[in-house]
N, C-alpha and C. Protein backbone atom coordinates (compact mmCIF):
# COMPACT_ATOMS: atom_id res chain seq x y z
N MET A 1 -14.81 -3.27 -3.69
CA MET A 1 -13.96 -2.58 -2.72
C MET A 1 -13.42 -3.56 -1.78
N LYS A 2 -14.17 -4.58 -1.36
CA LYS A 2 -13.74 -5.52 -0.42
C LYS A 2 -12.45 -6.26 -0.89
N SER A 3 -12.43 -6.59 -2.21
CA SER A 3 -11.22 -7.23 -2.70
C SER A 3 -10.01 -6.31 -2.65
N TYR A 4 -10.19 -5.07 -2.86
CA TYR A 4 -9.13 -4.08 -2.72
C TYR A 4 -8.60 -4.11 -1.29
N VAL A 5 -9.46 -4.10 -0.31
CA VAL A 5 -9.02 -4.06 1.02
C VAL A 5 -8.23 -5.30 1.39
N MET A 6 -8.66 -6.40 0.94
CA MET A 6 -7.92 -7.68 1.23
C MET A 6 -6.59 -7.65 0.54
N LEU A 7 -6.56 -7.25 -0.79
CA LEU A 7 -5.29 -7.20 -1.47
C LEU A 7 -4.34 -6.19 -0.81
N PHE A 8 -4.86 -5.04 -0.50
CA PHE A 8 -4.09 -3.99 0.06
C PHE A 8 -3.47 -4.35 1.39
N SER A 9 -4.26 -4.90 2.28
CA SER A 9 -3.81 -5.30 3.52
C SER A 9 -2.71 -6.39 3.47
N THR A 10 -2.86 -7.26 2.52
CA THR A 10 -1.82 -8.34 2.40
C THR A 10 -0.54 -7.69 1.76
N VAL A 11 -0.69 -6.84 0.77
CA VAL A 11 0.49 -6.22 0.16
C VAL A 11 1.25 -5.41 1.08
N PHE A 12 0.54 -4.59 1.90
CA PHE A 12 1.30 -3.71 2.82
C PHE A 12 2.00 -4.49 3.86
N LEU A 13 1.38 -5.51 4.36
CA LEU A 13 2.03 -6.31 5.39
C LEU A 13 3.12 -7.24 4.85
N LEU A 14 3.10 -7.49 3.61
CA LEU A 14 4.20 -8.26 2.97
C LEU A 14 5.47 -7.55 2.95
N ALA A 15 5.37 -6.16 3.06
CA ALA A 15 6.64 -5.46 3.06
C ALA A 15 7.43 -5.73 4.33
N GLY A 16 6.85 -6.34 5.29
CA GLY A 16 7.57 -6.95 6.41
C GLY A 16 8.43 -5.99 7.18
N CYS A 17 9.59 -6.29 7.43
CA CYS A 17 10.54 -5.51 8.23
C CYS A 17 11.35 -4.45 7.60
N SER A 18 10.78 -3.86 6.57
CA SER A 18 11.55 -2.87 5.86
C SER A 18 12.12 -1.78 6.78
N ASP A 19 13.38 -1.51 6.68
CA ASP A 19 13.96 -0.50 7.51
C ASP A 19 14.23 0.76 6.89
N ASP A 20 13.84 0.86 5.67
CA ASP A 20 14.14 2.10 4.82
C ASP A 20 13.03 2.39 3.84
N ASN A 21 12.84 3.61 3.61
CA ASN A 21 11.62 4.01 2.81
C ASN A 21 11.65 3.48 1.43
N THR A 22 12.84 3.47 0.75
CA THR A 22 12.94 2.96 -0.56
C THR A 22 12.59 1.52 -0.60
N LYS A 23 13.11 0.76 0.39
CA LYS A 23 12.84 -0.67 0.42
C LYS A 23 11.36 -0.92 0.61
N LEU A 24 10.71 -0.11 1.49
CA LEU A 24 9.26 -0.28 1.79
C LEU A 24 8.47 -0.11 0.48
N LYS A 25 8.90 0.96 -0.31
CA LYS A 25 8.11 1.27 -1.53
C LYS A 25 8.35 0.10 -2.53
N GLY A 26 9.57 -0.39 -2.62
CA GLY A 26 9.84 -1.52 -3.54
C GLY A 26 9.06 -2.70 -3.21
N GLU A 27 9.09 -3.07 -1.92
CA GLU A 27 8.31 -4.29 -1.44
C GLU A 27 6.85 -4.09 -1.58
N PHE A 28 6.38 -2.95 -1.35
CA PHE A 28 4.91 -2.69 -1.60
C PHE A 28 4.61 -2.92 -3.03
N ILE A 29 5.33 -2.33 -3.93
CA ILE A 29 5.05 -2.50 -5.34
C ILE A 29 5.24 -3.92 -5.79
N ARG A 30 6.24 -4.64 -5.33
CA ARG A 30 6.40 -6.07 -5.75
C ARG A 30 5.19 -6.82 -5.22
N GLY A 31 4.72 -6.69 -4.02
CA GLY A 31 3.58 -7.36 -3.51
C GLY A 31 2.30 -7.01 -4.25
N CYS A 32 2.17 -5.72 -4.61
CA CYS A 32 1.10 -5.31 -5.38
C CYS A 32 1.01 -5.95 -6.71
N LEU A 33 2.16 -6.01 -7.44
CA LEU A 33 2.28 -6.62 -8.72
C LEU A 33 1.95 -8.11 -8.65
N SER A 34 2.37 -8.76 -7.57
CA SER A 34 2.06 -10.21 -7.41
C SER A 34 0.57 -10.48 -7.23
N GLY A 35 -0.16 -9.43 -6.88
CA GLY A 35 -1.59 -9.49 -6.76
C GLY A 35 -2.32 -9.29 -8.04
N GLY A 36 -1.55 -9.09 -9.13
CA GLY A 36 -2.13 -8.93 -10.44
C GLY A 36 -2.47 -7.50 -10.79
N VAL A 37 -1.94 -6.49 -10.07
CA VAL A 37 -2.28 -5.14 -10.30
C VAL A 37 -1.15 -4.51 -11.16
N ASP A 38 -1.49 -3.63 -12.12
CA ASP A 38 -0.59 -2.94 -12.94
C ASP A 38 0.41 -2.09 -12.08
N LYS A 39 1.69 -2.02 -12.62
CA LYS A 39 2.76 -1.36 -11.88
C LYS A 39 2.40 0.13 -11.68
N ALA A 40 1.85 0.75 -12.62
CA ALA A 40 1.49 2.18 -12.54
C ALA A 40 0.46 2.40 -11.46
N VAL A 41 -0.45 1.49 -11.34
CA VAL A 41 -1.52 1.65 -10.29
C VAL A 41 -0.87 1.38 -8.97
N CYS A 42 0.03 0.41 -8.86
CA CYS A 42 0.62 0.13 -7.54
C CYS A 42 1.46 1.36 -7.11
N ALA A 43 2.19 1.97 -8.00
CA ALA A 43 2.98 3.15 -7.74
C ALA A 43 2.11 4.29 -7.34
N CYS A 44 0.97 4.45 -8.02
CA CYS A 44 0.03 5.52 -7.67
C CYS A 44 -0.52 5.30 -6.26
N ILE A 45 -0.84 4.09 -5.91
CA ILE A 45 -1.41 3.83 -4.59
C ILE A 45 -0.40 4.21 -3.52
N TYR A 46 0.85 3.80 -3.75
CA TYR A 46 1.87 4.08 -2.72
C TYR A 46 2.06 5.59 -2.61
N GLU A 47 2.14 6.30 -3.67
CA GLU A 47 2.33 7.75 -3.66
C GLU A 47 1.19 8.44 -2.84
N LYS A 48 -0.04 8.02 -3.17
CA LYS A 48 -1.15 8.61 -2.41
C LYS A 48 -1.09 8.31 -0.88
N LEU A 49 -0.69 7.07 -0.52
CA LEU A 49 -0.48 6.73 0.86
C LEU A 49 0.62 7.56 1.48
N GLU A 50 1.72 7.69 0.80
CA GLU A 50 2.80 8.39 1.31
C GLU A 50 2.44 10.02 1.41
N ASP A 51 1.68 10.44 0.50
CA ASP A 51 1.24 11.89 0.59
C ASP A 51 0.36 12.08 1.83
N LYS A 52 -0.52 11.10 2.11
CA LYS A 52 -1.45 11.28 3.24
C LYS A 52 -0.78 10.94 4.59
N TYR A 53 0.06 9.94 4.63
CA TYR A 53 0.62 9.47 5.96
C TYR A 53 2.03 9.87 6.15
N GLY A 54 2.83 10.14 5.16
CA GLY A 54 4.20 10.46 5.39
C GLY A 54 5.06 9.23 5.49
N GLN A 55 6.32 9.36 5.22
CA GLN A 55 7.20 8.17 5.24
C GLN A 55 7.29 7.51 6.67
N GLU A 56 7.48 8.36 7.66
CA GLU A 56 7.66 7.85 9.01
C GLU A 56 6.46 7.05 9.52
N GLU A 57 5.26 7.62 9.21
CA GLU A 57 3.97 6.88 9.60
C GLU A 57 3.87 5.58 8.83
N LEU A 58 4.18 5.53 7.57
CA LEU A 58 4.12 4.29 6.75
C LEU A 58 5.03 3.31 7.43
N LEU A 59 6.20 3.66 7.79
CA LEU A 59 7.14 2.71 8.43
C LEU A 59 6.58 2.23 9.75
N ARG A 60 5.98 3.14 10.54
CA ARG A 60 5.32 2.76 11.72
C ARG A 60 4.20 1.75 11.56
N ILE A 61 3.36 2.06 10.64
CA ILE A 61 2.20 1.15 10.28
C ILE A 61 2.69 -0.14 9.86
N ASN A 62 3.76 -0.19 9.01
CA ASN A 62 4.36 -1.46 8.49
C ASN A 62 4.82 -2.32 9.58
N ALA A 63 5.31 -1.74 10.67
CA ALA A 63 5.79 -2.53 11.79
C ALA A 63 4.76 -3.17 12.64
N LEU A 64 3.51 -2.84 12.41
CA LEU A 64 2.33 -3.40 13.13
C LEU A 64 2.01 -4.80 12.57
N THR A 65 1.45 -5.65 13.43
CA THR A 65 0.99 -6.95 12.96
C THR A 65 -0.26 -6.86 12.13
N GLN A 66 -1.05 -5.72 12.33
CA GLN A 66 -2.27 -5.53 11.50
C GLN A 66 -2.39 -4.06 11.26
N ALA A 67 -2.59 -3.66 10.03
CA ALA A 67 -2.71 -2.21 9.70
C ALA A 67 -4.09 -1.74 10.29
N PRO A 68 -4.15 -0.46 10.66
CA PRO A 68 -5.42 0.10 11.19
C PRO A 68 -6.48 0.09 10.13
N ALA A 69 -7.71 -0.10 10.53
CA ALA A 69 -8.83 -0.18 9.57
C ALA A 69 -8.92 1.04 8.71
N LEU A 70 -8.77 2.26 9.22
CA LEU A 70 -8.89 3.47 8.43
C LEU A 70 -7.75 3.51 7.38
N PHE A 71 -6.63 3.04 7.69
CA PHE A 71 -5.47 3.05 6.73
C PHE A 71 -5.83 2.00 5.59
N LEU A 72 -6.44 0.94 5.91
CA LEU A 72 -6.84 -0.06 4.87
C LEU A 72 -8.01 0.51 4.00
N GLU A 73 -8.87 1.25 4.65
CA GLU A 73 -9.92 1.86 3.87
C GLU A 73 -9.38 2.90 2.90
N ASP A 74 -8.39 3.73 3.43
CA ASP A 74 -7.80 4.73 2.59
C ASP A 74 -7.03 4.00 1.41
N GLY A 75 -6.35 2.98 1.68
CA GLY A 75 -5.66 2.22 0.63
C GLY A 75 -6.58 1.73 -0.47
N ALA A 76 -7.71 1.15 0.03
CA ALA A 76 -8.72 0.67 -0.96
C ALA A 76 -9.32 1.82 -1.82
N GLN A 77 -9.55 2.89 -1.18
CA GLN A 77 -10.05 4.07 -1.86
C GLN A 77 -9.09 4.60 -2.88
N PHE A 78 -7.78 4.67 -2.42
CA PHE A 78 -6.72 5.11 -3.35
C PHE A 78 -6.64 4.17 -4.53
N ALA A 79 -6.77 2.95 -4.27
CA ALA A 79 -6.64 1.82 -5.32
C ALA A 79 -7.76 2.15 -6.40
N MET A 80 -8.95 2.35 -5.96
CA MET A 80 -10.02 2.60 -6.89
C MET A 80 -9.73 3.86 -7.73
N GLN A 81 -9.28 4.94 -7.05
CA GLN A 81 -8.96 6.22 -7.72
C GLN A 81 -7.88 5.97 -8.74
N CYS A 82 -6.82 5.19 -8.40
CA CYS A 82 -5.67 4.95 -9.30
C CYS A 82 -6.14 4.08 -10.47
N VAL A 83 -6.98 3.14 -10.24
CA VAL A 83 -7.48 2.29 -11.36
C VAL A 83 -8.24 3.16 -12.34
N LYS A 84 -9.09 4.08 -11.82
CA LYS A 84 -9.94 4.89 -12.69
C LYS A 84 -9.10 5.88 -13.50
N SER A 85 -8.06 6.40 -12.88
CA SER A 85 -7.23 7.42 -13.53
C SER A 85 -6.20 6.75 -14.43
N GLY A 86 -5.96 5.48 -14.29
CA GLY A 86 -4.92 4.72 -15.07
C GLY A 86 -5.45 4.19 -16.27
């Protein structure tokens, strides 16, 4: 799980200054893919995050220099769920 938290935190913050939801999703998936994760799993993680946090909250979190710990834990948990279901 620790490796998922590290990968997830890096991937989410790589999305940088995205000013639009579609761009944020695309950057998230590209960063996730560069971490060696399957595209379907990356998309699954993002969808789960969007379902829980909503687009506006994801954009707000993305603007932070460090994502909140609970958000990273949720991302790691969703990653494990997506890997198991994929």
